[in-house]
Amino acid sequence: MKNNHLPLSQSHFINGNEACAEAALLAGCRFFAGYPITPSTEIAEHLAERLPEVGGIFIQMEDEIASMNAVLGAVWGGLKGMSATSGPGFSLMMENIGLAVMTETPCVVVDVQRGGPSTGLATLVGQGDMMQARWGSHGSYEIIALCPSSPQEFFYQTIQAFNLSEKFRVPVLLMADEMVGHMSEKVVIPPIEKLEIYPRRYTLKPPGEYKVYQRAENGVPEMVKAGDGYRIHVTGTTHDERGYPFMNEETQKELIPRLVDKIRKNHKELIDTKEFFTEDAEVVLVGYGITARTLRWVAHLAREKNLKVGVLKLNIVWPFPDEVVLNLAKKVKALVVCEINMGQMVREVERAAKGFCEVKFMGHPGGGMHSPTDILEAVQQVKA
């Protein structure tokens, strides 16, 4: 098998989507199924060329529904798999993302967000899919979602997403946005030996002793793959430890809390934020994705005006970092949440802040970015 890739340990001038695709290969992704959609298509285009070079498989499906089905099948066939899409396609994937949760199928889905709803602004930036990422499928479940702010972060977070998917046997979402996806910057690809890559955790138990959904100490069962001689049943129906459908309240009480708790009980491990100038801040700007870059610039401008402004950057947005927000809320006058939507993650900030400080919202309907001047004016309007 050839293992061609961009030369390692070198700087490359590539866009975020290409950085994501290269990172997926290094993370061990060997299957991609998707349907072209702006502004994520470069991921598919890049992997269509690169996957065959490393012995992988690229397939363009008839739509996003089929794409997710193909990814799940490939994972149970023994491959690491992913798909990439944008708003309308993300909506179509939701049912099968729920299937991935229920069948505990590790995979990665990239949503390069654009202005919506509907066709909206197909070629321009948005951040309107954040709540859909958490609540888009039906039923009770937990999900992991990350937000990169640069092509370099897109690279590292793609590897992180694959690692988390394998560790917790869950679908992991990469909630990028059009500007990060299409932005070309320096991306450093380190030697593969310096990257932490999680292998799939296959069982050592022989057929007959193994149960595909057996409760483990950390709540995450080991896997098998098709063709290894294990007789297993993989279904989205409520099932027992063998995977056999049991549609009753008792089985639901056993299964669903375990699916939820394997994320909730490891919540602290999934806190990933970055703070700038928060030690003495009176106002903290909160953002993610491309918006977080604007906020850092605003904080510098504010400091030049002797305004004590800090920034909280959300890297993992789901599960939400309640404790981090609460700790900041207890020591600042206000949290100013900036998003390229009309109000989504601000609701989580308000909930986590528990009334300890003012929470202001700076929304943008999409198609462009916040003006630093407007954000600075909002900071200056915070009550003394």
Protein backbone atom coordinates (compact mmCIF):
# COMPACT_ATOMS: atom_id res chain seq x y z
CA MET A 1 0.00 0.00 0.00
CA LYS A 2 1.40 3.39 -0.93
CA ASN A 3 1.42 6.07 1.76
CA ASN A 4 1.80 9.23 -0.27
CA HIS A 5 1.00 12.55 1.36
CA LEU A 6 2.17 16.11 1.41
CA PRO A 7 5.81 16.27 2.58
CA LEU A 8 5.74 16.07 6.37
CA SER A 9 7.25 18.58 8.79
CA GLN A 10 6.96 21.35 6.23
CA SER A 11 4.90 24.48 5.85
CA HIS A 12 2.25 24.50 3.15
CA PHE A 13 0.08 27.32 1.81
CA ILE A 14 -3.28 25.54 1.59
CA ASN A 15 -6.86 26.28 2.50
CA GLY A 16 -8.74 24.90 5.49
CA ASN A 17 -10.64 22.28 3.51
CA GLU A 18 -7.41 20.87 2.07
CA ALA A 19 -5.83 20.88 5.54
CA CYS A 20 -8.82 18.92 6.82
CA ALA A 21 -8.48 16.35 4.05
CA GLU A 22 -4.75 15.82 4.66
CA ALA A 23 -5.32 15.50 8.40
CA ALA A 24 -8.01 12.87 7.81
CA LEU A 25 -5.51 10.77 5.88
CA LEU A 26 -2.95 11.03 8.66
CA ALA A 27 -5.64 10.10 11.20
CA GLY A 28 -6.17 6.86 9.28
CA CYS A 29 -9.27 7.73 7.27
CA ARG A 30 -9.51 5.35 4.33
CA PHE A 31 -13.12 5.89 3.26
CA PHE A 32 -15.02 8.99 2.21
CA ALA A 33 -18.59 9.10 0.94
CA GLY A 34 -20.23 12.40 0.12
CA TYR A 35 -22.12 14.61 -2.27
CA PRO A 36 -20.66 17.87 -3.61
CA ILE A 37 -21.92 20.97 -1.85
CA THR A 38 -20.44 24.44 -1.47
CA PRO A 39 -18.44 25.42 0.56
CA SER A 40 -17.16 21.95 1.57
CA THR A 41 -16.53 20.47 -1.88
CA GLU A 42 -12.74 20.92 -1.78
CA ILE A 43 -12.59 18.26 0.95
CA ALA A 44 -14.25 15.75 -1.36
CA GLU A 45 -12.18 16.86 -4.37
CA HIS A 46 -8.92 16.53 -2.45
CA LEU A 47 -9.79 13.11 -1.04
CA ALA A 48 -11.02 11.88 -4.43
CA GLU A 49 -7.44 12.30 -5.62
CA ARG A 50 -5.59 11.38 -2.45
CA LEU A 51 -7.48 8.38 -1.04
CA PRO A 52 -6.64 6.03 -3.96
CA GLU A 53 -2.97 6.96 -3.48
CA VAL A 54 -3.00 5.50 0.05
CA GLY A 55 -5.20 2.47 -0.70
CA GLY A 56 -8.41 4.16 0.40
CA ILE A 57 -11.84 4.47 -1.18
CA PHE A 58 -13.68 7.57 -2.36
CA ILE A 59 -17.27 7.34 -3.50
CA GLN A 60 -19.69 10.05 -4.57
CA MET A 61 -23.17 9.01 -3.50
CA GLU A 62 -26.51 10.14 -4.89
CA ASP A 63 -27.22 12.34 -1.87
CA GLU A 64 -26.21 13.02 1.73
CA ILE A 65 -28.61 10.44 3.15
CA ALA A 66 -26.88 7.69 1.22
CA SER A 67 -23.48 9.18 2.01
CA MET A 68 -23.95 8.71 5.75
CA ASN A 69 -25.23 5.17 5.22
CA ALA A 70 -22.13 4.34 3.19
CA VAL A 71 -19.83 5.76 5.87
CA LEU A 72 -21.48 3.66 8.59
CA GLY A 73 -21.20 0.52 6.47
CA ALA A 74 -17.55 1.16 5.74
CA VAL A 75 -16.77 1.61 9.44
CA TRP A 76 -18.36 -1.74 10.30
CA GLY A 77 -16.29 -3.15 7.46
CA GLY A 78 -13.15 -2.09 9.31
CA LEU A 79 -12.27 1.34 7.89
CA LYS A 80 -12.13 4.79 9.42
CA GLY A 81 -14.71 6.86 7.54
CA MET A 82 -15.92 10.41 7.12
CA SER A 83 -18.16 12.70 5.11
CA ALA A 84 -18.28 16.46 4.52
CA THR A 85 -21.19 18.73 3.74
CA SER A 86 -22.83 22.09 4.39
CA GLY A 87 -26.19 23.25 5.76
CA PRO A 88 -28.77 21.62 3.46
CA GLY A 89 -26.77 18.39 3.30
CA PHE A 90 -26.26 18.44 7.07
CA SER A 91 -30.03 18.45 7.47
CA LEU A 92 -30.32 15.36 5.27
CA MET A 93 -27.64 13.55 7.29
CA MET A 94 -29.40 13.98 10.61
CA GLU A 95 -31.39 10.75 10.64
CA ASN A 96 -28.29 8.65 9.96
CA ILE A 97 -26.19 10.64 12.42
CA GLY A 98 -28.77 9.44 14.94
CA LEU A 99 -28.26 5.91 13.59
CA ALA A 100 -24.52 6.31 14.18
CA VAL A 101 -25.22 7.36 17.78
CA MET A 102 -27.54 4.39 18.38
CA THR A 103 -25.19 1.85 16.77
CA GLU A 104 -22.14 3.48 18.38
CA THR A 105 -20.38 3.83 15.04
CA PRO A 106 -17.22 5.99 15.17
CA CYS A 107 -17.04 8.42 12.24
CA VAL A 108 -16.44 12.08 11.44
CA VAL A 109 -18.82 14.52 9.73
CA VAL A 110 -17.53 17.93 8.60
CA ASP A 111 -20.05 20.75 8.21
CA VAL A 112 -18.53 23.79 6.51
CA GLN A 113 -21.29 26.23 7.41
CA ARG A 114 -22.75 28.79 5.04
CA GLY A 115 -25.45 31.45 5.25
CA GLY A 116 -28.97 30.00 5.47
CA PRO A 117 -31.70 28.90 5.83
CA SER A 118 -32.47 26.82 2.73
CA THR A 119 -30.12 27.51 -0.21
CA GLY A 120 -29.28 30.82 1.43
CA LEU A 121 -25.80 32.14 0.67
CA ALA A 122 -24.18 29.05 -0.75
CA THR A 123 -20.75 30.64 -1.18
CA LEU A 124 -20.65 32.88 1.90
CA VAL A 125 -20.03 32.39 5.59
CA GLY A 126 -22.51 31.45 8.31
CA GLN A 127 -22.56 29.79 11.73
CA GLY A 128 -26.23 28.86 11.80
CA ASP A 129 -25.95 25.09 12.28
CA MET A 130 -24.68 25.06 15.86
CA MET A 131 -27.90 24.06 17.59
CA GLN A 132 -28.71 21.61 14.82
CA ALA A 133 -25.39 19.91 15.57
CA ARG A 134 -26.57 19.23 19.11
CA TRP A 135 -30.28 18.63 18.63
CA GLY A 136 -30.71 17.84 14.93
CA SER A 137 -31.50 14.15 15.29
CA HIS A 138 -34.33 12.87 17.45
CA GLY A 139 -34.29 11.18 20.83
CA SER A 140 -31.94 11.52 23.80
CA TYR A 141 -28.26 11.47 22.97
CA GLU A 142 -24.97 13.32 23.43
CA ILE A 143 -22.70 14.47 20.63
CA ILE A 144 -19.18 15.87 20.31
CA ALA A 145 -18.61 18.90 18.09
CA LEU A 146 -15.49 20.98 17.44
CA CYS A 147 -15.01 24.41 15.82
CA PRO A 148 -11.74 25.39 14.08
CA SER A 149 -10.71 29.03 13.68
CA SER A 150 -7.92 28.61 11.13
CA PRO A 151 -6.65 26.13 8.54
CA GLN A 152 -3.99 24.98 11.05
CA GLU A 153 -6.66 24.33 13.66
CA PHE A 154 -8.80 22.61 11.05
CA PHE A 155 -5.86 20.25 10.54
CA TYR A 156 -5.37 19.43 14.21
CA GLN A 157 -9.06 19.30 15.06
CA THR A 158 -9.68 16.80 12.26
CA ILE A 159 -7.20 14.42 13.90
CA GLN A 160 -8.75 15.18 17.29
CA ALA A 161 -12.21 14.42 15.88
CA PHE A 162 -11.13 11.00 14.61
CA ASN A 163 -9.46 10.24 17.94
CA LEU A 164 -12.54 11.20 19.94
CA SER A 165 -14.80 9.19 17.65
CA GLU A 166 -12.71 6.08 18.26
CA LYS A 167 -12.33 6.66 21.98
CA PHE A 168 -16.04 7.14 22.65
CA ARG A 169 -17.54 5.23 19.70
CA VAL A 170 -19.60 8.20 18.60
CA PRO A 171 -19.98 10.32 15.47
CA VAL A 172 -17.96 13.51 15.93
CA LEU A 173 -18.87 16.74 14.15
CA LEU A 174 -16.44 19.34 12.83
CA MET A 175 -18.38 22.60 12.67
CA ALA A 176 -16.18 24.72 10.43
CA ASP A 177 -17.40 27.74 8.49
CA GLU A 178 -16.93 28.96 4.93
CA MET A 179 -14.18 31.43 5.77
CA VAL A 180 -12.06 28.88 7.61
CA GLY A 181 -12.71 26.33 4.88
CA HIS A 182 -11.72 28.64 2.04
CA MET A 183 -9.04 30.65 3.80
CA SER A 184 -5.50 29.89 2.59
CA GLU A 185 -2.78 30.18 5.21
CA LYS A 186 0.40 28.50 6.33
CA VAL A 187 -0.31 25.01 7.62
CA VAL A 188 2.50 23.04 9.23
CA ILE A 189 2.16 19.27 8.89
CA PRO A 190 4.33 17.64 11.56
CA PRO A 191 5.96 14.21 11.30
CA ILE A 192 3.38 11.50 11.84
CA GLU A 193 5.32 10.15 14.84
CA LYS A 194 4.61 13.45 16.61
CA LEU A 195 0.86 13.03 16.14
CA GLU A 196 -1.27 11.04 18.55
CA ILE A 197 -3.44 8.75 16.43
CA TYR A 198 -5.96 6.50 18.15
CA PRO A 199 -6.34 3.03 16.63
CA ARG A 200 -9.71 1.32 16.67
CA ARG A 201 -10.22 -0.75 19.82
CA TYR A 202 -11.10 -4.26 18.63
CA THR A 203 -12.05 -6.99 21.06
CA LEU A 204 -9.74 -9.85 21.98
CA LYS A 205 -12.67 -11.98 23.09
CA PRO A 206 -13.44 -14.98 20.91
CA PRO A 207 -16.79 -15.38 19.11
CA GLY A 208 -19.38 -16.60 21.56
CA GLU A 209 -18.01 -14.57 24.46
CA TYR A 210 -18.21 -11.16 22.80
CA LYS A 211 -21.25 -8.88 22.90
CA VAL A 212 -21.16 -5.94 20.53
CA TYR A 213 -22.78 -3.52 23.01
CA GLN A 214 -21.56 -5.03 26.26
CA ARG A 215 -21.27 -2.51 29.06
CA ALA A 216 -17.60 -1.69 29.67
CA GLU A 217 -15.98 0.03 32.65
CA ASN A 218 -15.75 3.33 30.75
CA GLY A 219 -19.13 2.79 29.09
CA VAL A 220 -17.57 2.28 25.64
CA PRO A 221 -17.76 -1.28 24.19
CA GLU A 222 -15.01 -2.78 22.05
CA MET A 223 -15.68 -3.30 18.34
CA VAL A 224 -15.45 -6.04 15.75
CA LYS A 225 -15.66 -5.83 11.98
CA ALA A 226 -17.48 -7.75 9.31
CA GLY A 227 -15.69 -10.90 8.22
CA ASP A 228 -13.98 -11.67 11.54
CA GLY A 229 -16.33 -14.54 12.37
CA TYR A 230 -18.50 -12.77 14.91
CA ARG A 231 -22.24 -13.11 14.61
CA ILE A 232 -23.51 -9.68 15.60
CA HIS A 233 -26.58 -7.59 14.95
CA VAL A 234 -26.24 -3.84 14.28
CA THR A 235 -29.54 -1.99 14.42
CA GLY A 236 -30.97 1.42 15.18
CA THR A 237 -33.81 -0.22 17.06
CA THR A 238 -33.52 -0.31 20.85
CA HIS A 239 -31.34 -3.36 21.45
CA ASP A 240 -29.70 -5.49 24.11
CA GLU A 241 -25.95 -6.08 24.56
CA ARG A 242 -25.94 -8.54 21.65
CA GLY A 243 -27.53 -5.96 19.37
CA TYR A 244 -30.80 -7.86 19.17
CA PRO A 245 -33.92 -5.65 19.04
CA PHE A 246 -35.87 -5.48 22.31
CA MET A 247 -38.51 -2.79 22.00
CA ASN A 248 -39.50 -2.32 25.61
CA GLU A 249 -39.04 0.17 28.41
CA GLU A 250 -36.57 -1.97 30.36
CA THR A 251 -34.09 -2.27 27.48
CA GLN A 252 -34.41 1.46 26.75
CA LYS A 253 -33.57 2.20 30.38
CA GLU A 254 -30.40 0.16 30.07
CA LEU A 255 -29.25 1.43 26.68
CA ILE A 256 -29.96 5.17 26.47
CA PRO A 257 -28.44 6.25 29.81
CA ARG A 258 -25.24 4.42 28.85
CA LEU A 259 -25.07 6.20 25.48
CA VAL A 260 -25.57 9.53 27.21
CA ASP A 261 -23.30 8.86 30.18
CA LYS A 262 -20.24 7.85 28.16
CA ILE A 263 -20.07 11.53 27.15
CA ARG A 264 -21.49 13.18 30.29
CA LYS A 265 -19.31 11.23 32.71
CA ASN A 266 -16.23 12.19 30.69
CA HIS A 267 -17.30 15.81 30.36
CA LYS A 268 -14.17 17.27 31.97
CA GLU A 269 -11.99 15.49 29.42
CA LEU A 270 -14.02 17.16 26.68
CA ILE A 271 -13.56 20.73 27.85
CA ASP A 272 -11.44 22.51 25.24
CA THR A 273 -11.36 26.30 25.37
CA LYS A 274 -8.72 28.99 25.13
CA GLU A 275 -8.63 32.27 27.01
CA PHE A 276 -6.89 35.52 26.13
CA PHE A 277 -6.43 38.45 28.56
CA THR A 278 -9.03 37.07 30.98
CA GLU A 279 -6.94 37.43 34.16
CA ASP A 280 -8.05 41.02 34.79
CA ALA A 281 -10.90 41.28 32.28
CA GLU A 282 -14.10 43.11 33.13
CA VAL A 283 -15.72 42.10 29.83
CA VAL A 284 -15.10 38.80 28.05
CA LEU A 285 -15.94 38.28 24.38
CA VAL A 286 -17.13 34.75 23.57
CA GLY A 287 -16.88 33.21 20.11
CA TYR A 288 -15.84 30.26 17.97
CA GLY A 289 -14.72 29.59 14.43
CA ILE A 290 -13.74 32.56 12.30
CA THR A 291 -15.48 34.93 14.74
CA ALA A 292 -12.97 34.13 17.48
CA ARG A 293 -10.22 35.66 15.36
CA THR A 294 -12.11 38.93 15.11
CA LEU A 295 -12.59 38.93 18.87
CA ARG A 296 -8.88 38.66 19.55
CA TRP A 297 -8.31 41.71 17.37
CA VAL A 298 -11.05 43.60 19.23
CA ALA A 299 -9.46 42.69 22.57
CA HIS A 300 -6.16 44.20 21.41
CA LEU A 301 -7.94 47.38 20.28
CA ALA A 302 -9.79 47.60 23.59
CA ARG A 303 -6.60 47.21 25.59
CA GLU A 304 -5.12 50.16 23.68
CA LYS A 305 -8.09 52.19 24.99
CA ASN A 306 -7.49 50.93 28.54
CA LEU A 307 -10.57 48.72 28.42
CA LYS A 308 -10.11 45.44 30.27
CA VAL A 309 -11.41 43.05 27.64
CA GLY A 310 -10.67 39.33 27.32
CA VAL A 311 -11.68 36.53 24.96
CA LEU A 312 -13.06 33.05 25.51
CA LYS A 313 -12.60 30.88 22.42
CA LEU A 314 -14.67 27.70 22.22
CA ASN A 315 -12.81 24.82 20.55
CA ILE A 316 -15.16 22.01 21.61
CA VAL A 317 -18.69 23.44 21.64
CA TRP A 318 -20.56 20.21 22.41
CA PRO A 319 -20.56 19.19 25.17
CA PHE A 320 -20.72 22.81 26.26
CA PRO A 321 -18.05 24.04 28.74
CA ASP A 322 -20.48 25.11 31.48
CA GLU A 323 -17.86 25.34 34.22
CA VAL A 324 -15.54 27.60 32.23
CA VAL A 325 -18.35 30.03 31.42
CA LEU A 326 -19.65 30.03 34.99
CA ASN A 327 -16.22 30.77 36.45
CA LEU A 328 -15.80 33.74 34.12
CA ALA A 329 -19.35 34.96 34.77
CA LYS A 330 -18.60 35.15 38.49
CA LYS A 331 -15.75 37.64 38.01
CA VAL A 332 -16.69 39.86 35.05
CA LYS A 333 -19.29 42.52 34.38
CA ALA A 334 -20.44 41.03 31.10
CA LEU A 335 -20.01 38.25 28.58
CA VAL A 336 -20.48 39.44 24.98
CA VAL A 337 -21.31 36.54 22.66
CA CYS A 338 -20.60 37.03 18.96
CA GLU A 339 -21.93 34.59 16.35
CA ILE A 340 -22.70 34.64 12.64
CA ASN A 341 -26.33 33.75 13.30
CA MET A 342 -29.26 35.41 15.02
CA GLY A 343 -28.72 33.77 18.40
CA GLN A 344 -27.78 30.16 19.12
CA MET A 345 -24.82 29.45 21.41
CA VAL A 346 -25.63 32.63 23.33
CA ARG A 347 -28.48 30.62 24.88
CA GLU A 348 -25.95 28.19 26.29
CA VAL A 349 -23.82 31.04 27.62
CA GLU A 350 -26.86 32.57 29.33
CA ARG A 351 -27.74 29.22 30.87
CA ALA A 352 -24.20 28.51 32.07
CA ALA A 353 -23.67 32.05 33.44
CA LYS A 354 -26.64 31.55 35.81
CA GLY A 355 -27.30 35.27 36.09
CA PHE A 356 -23.93 36.14 37.64
CA CYS A 357 -23.23 38.75 34.96
CA GLU A 358 -24.82 40.52 32.02
CA VAL A 359 -24.87 38.53 28.79
CA LYS A 360 -24.98 40.60 25.60
CA PHE A 361 -25.43 39.23 22.11
CA MET A 362 -23.82 40.46 18.91
CA GLY A 363 -25.41 38.58 16.03
CA HIS A 364 -24.70 38.67 12.31
CA PRO A 365 -27.15 37.18 9.76
CA GLY A 366 -24.38 35.73 7.59
CA GLY A 367 -22.53 36.52 4.42
CA GLY A 368 -19.81 38.44 6.22
CA MET A 369 -18.09 39.00 9.53
CA HIS A 370 -18.66 41.26 12.52
CA SER A 371 -17.17 44.73 12.39
CA PRO A 372 -14.54 45.15 15.13
CA THR A 373 -15.82 48.70 15.62
CA ASP A 374 -19.36 47.48 16.32
CA ILE A 375 -18.13 44.95 18.87
CA LEU A 376 -15.97 47.58 20.54
CA GLU A 377 -19.00 49.88 20.82
CA ALA A 378 -20.97 47.06 22.45
CA VAL A 379 -18.17 46.60 24.98
CA GLN A 380 -18.20 50.31 25.81
CA GLN A 381 -21.96 50.12 26.44
CA VAL A 382 -21.63 47.49 29.16
CA LYS A 383 -23.13 48.76 32.39
CA ALA A 384 -20.60 50.01 34.91
